[in-house]
Amino acid sequence: MFNKIILVGNLTRDIEIRYTQAGMTIAKSAIATSRKFKSNTGEQKEEVCFVDITFLVEVQKWQISICIRVPRY
């Protein structure tokens, strides 16, 4: 079975990488995403959601290092 999820947002902290004795890679980080909407009164509002993410994958270190934190200006 194949599961796929797409999360779009800003990386809020650096990726923490650990390795298990079995050779699996565990990567942890968090992202923030927001949505803008109009309330029932017609007022513009923005809601922010913070999501902690953990990856458990069989990949090499160089493959995860492409996800780097880039400052926004």
Foldseek 3Di string as FASTA:
>chain_A
DDDDDDDDFAWPDFWDWDADPVQKIKIKTKGKDKDWDADPVRDIDMDMDIGIDIDTGNDDPVVVVVPGHDDDD
